[in-house]
């Protein structure tokens, strides 16, 4: 779920609405809690790309230190073709 280019042609990407909503919910939690972005896909490359893209897109949207975002890539042979994504805070 990579961010789309900005409509004006600038370099700043526009986040998909679902990630804007996720960031809104995350911003209502404690700003010190780590955020884990877990991507599951059929290949390591796809899982890594999905997790990294979502982490990069969320970083400027969530309050607090961007280093609290952690990307985790999981490989499952029976994952959906486009992969799955879970975004959650951890302790």
Protein backbone atom coordinates (compact mmCIF):
# COMPACT_ATOMS: atom_id res chain seq x y z
CA UNK A 1 0.00 0.00 0.00
CA UNK A 2 2.47 2.63 -1.12
CA UNK A 3 1.55 6.26 -0.86
CA UNK A 4 0.25 7.90 -4.01
CA UNK A 5 2.03 10.89 -5.53
CA UNK A 6 0.65 14.24 -4.47
CA UNK A 7 -1.90 15.63 -6.93
CA UNK A 8 0.15 18.79 -7.47
CA UNK A 9 3.18 16.82 -8.62
CA UNK A 10 5.24 17.63 -5.52
CA UNK A 11 7.52 15.06 -3.96
CA UNK A 12 5.42 14.72 -0.81
CA UNK A 13 3.23 11.60 -1.11
CA UNK A 14 -0.41 11.54 -0.11
CA UNK A 15 -1.20 8.77 2.34
CA UNK A 16 -4.11 6.43 1.56
CA UNK A 17 -7.21 7.22 3.67
CA UNK A 18 -6.89 3.97 5.65
CA UNK A 19 -3.41 4.98 6.83
CA UNK A 20 -4.63 8.47 7.72
CA UNK A 21 -7.29 6.86 9.89
CA UNK A 22 -4.77 4.47 11.45
CA UNK A 23 -2.50 7.41 12.28
CA UNK A 24 -5.43 9.25 13.84
CA UNK A 25 -6.14 6.31 16.15
CA UNK A 26 -2.45 5.83 16.95
CA UNK A 27 -2.16 9.51 17.86
CA UNK A 28 -4.73 8.96 20.60
CA UNK A 29 -2.45 6.49 22.40
CA UNK A 30 0.52 7.21 24.65
CA UNK A 31 3.24 8.85 22.57
CA UNK A 32 5.91 6.62 24.10
CA UNK A 33 4.32 3.29 23.13
CA UNK A 34 6.05 1.52 20.24
CA UNK A 35 4.03 0.97 17.07
CA UNK A 36 4.49 -2.29 15.19
CA UNK A 37 3.71 -2.51 11.48
CA UNK A 38 3.47 -6.21 10.57
CA UNK A 39 3.22 -7.21 6.93
CA UNK A 40 2.51 -10.80 5.91
CA UNK A 41 3.06 -11.87 2.30
CA UNK A 42 3.94 -14.89 0.18
CA UNK A 43 7.56 -13.76 -0.31
CA UNK A 44 10.15 -12.06 1.90
CA UNK A 45 10.63 -9.31 -0.69
CA UNK A 46 6.93 -8.43 -0.80
CA UNK A 47 6.55 -8.52 2.99
CA UNK A 48 9.63 -6.33 3.45
CA UNK A 49 8.43 -3.84 0.83
CA UNK A 50 4.91 -3.62 2.28
CA UNK A 51 6.13 -3.15 5.86
CA UNK A 52 8.75 -0.58 4.84
CA UNK A 53 6.37 1.43 2.65
CA UNK A 54 3.71 1.62 5.35
CA UNK A 55 6.27 2.54 8.02
CA UNK A 56 7.68 5.29 5.79
CA UNK A 57 4.18 6.63 5.04
CA UNK A 58 3.08 6.57 8.71
CA UNK A 59 6.24 8.18 10.12
CA UNK A 60 5.30 11.80 9.39
CA UNK A 61 1.66 11.20 10.37
CA UNK A 62 2.08 9.86 13.90
CA UNK A 63 2.93 12.04 16.87
CA UNK A 64 6.03 11.39 18.92
CA UNK A 65 9.38 10.04 17.86
CA UNK A 66 9.32 8.25 14.49
CA UNK A 67 11.77 5.68 15.87
CA UNK A 68 8.89 4.11 17.79
CA UNK A 69 7.69 2.64 14.46
CA UNK A 70 8.93 -0.92 13.92
CA UNK A 71 8.46 -2.84 10.67
CA UNK A 72 8.10 -6.63 10.82
CA UNK A 73 7.90 -8.82 7.72
CA UNK A 74 6.39 -12.32 7.88
CA UNK A 75 6.24 -14.91 5.12
CA UNK A 76 3.30 -17.30 4.79
CA UNK A 77 2.76 -19.43 1.71
CA UNK A 78 -1.03 -19.07 1.94
CA UNK A 79 -1.10 -15.29 2.49
CA UNK A 80 -3.42 -13.30 0.22
CA UNK A 81 -1.85 -12.29 -3.08
CA UNK A 82 -1.45 -8.63 -2.05
CA UNK A 83 -0.39 -9.47 1.50
CA UNK A 84 -1.91 -8.40 4.81
CA UNK A 85 -1.05 -5.66 7.22
CA UNK A 86 -1.49 -5.19 10.96
CA UNK A 87 -0.71 -1.93 12.74
CA UNK A 88 -0.77 -1.96 16.54
CA UNK A 89 0.82 -0.46 19.59
CA UNK A 90 2.84 -2.69 21.87
CA UNK A 91 3.98 -2.47 25.47
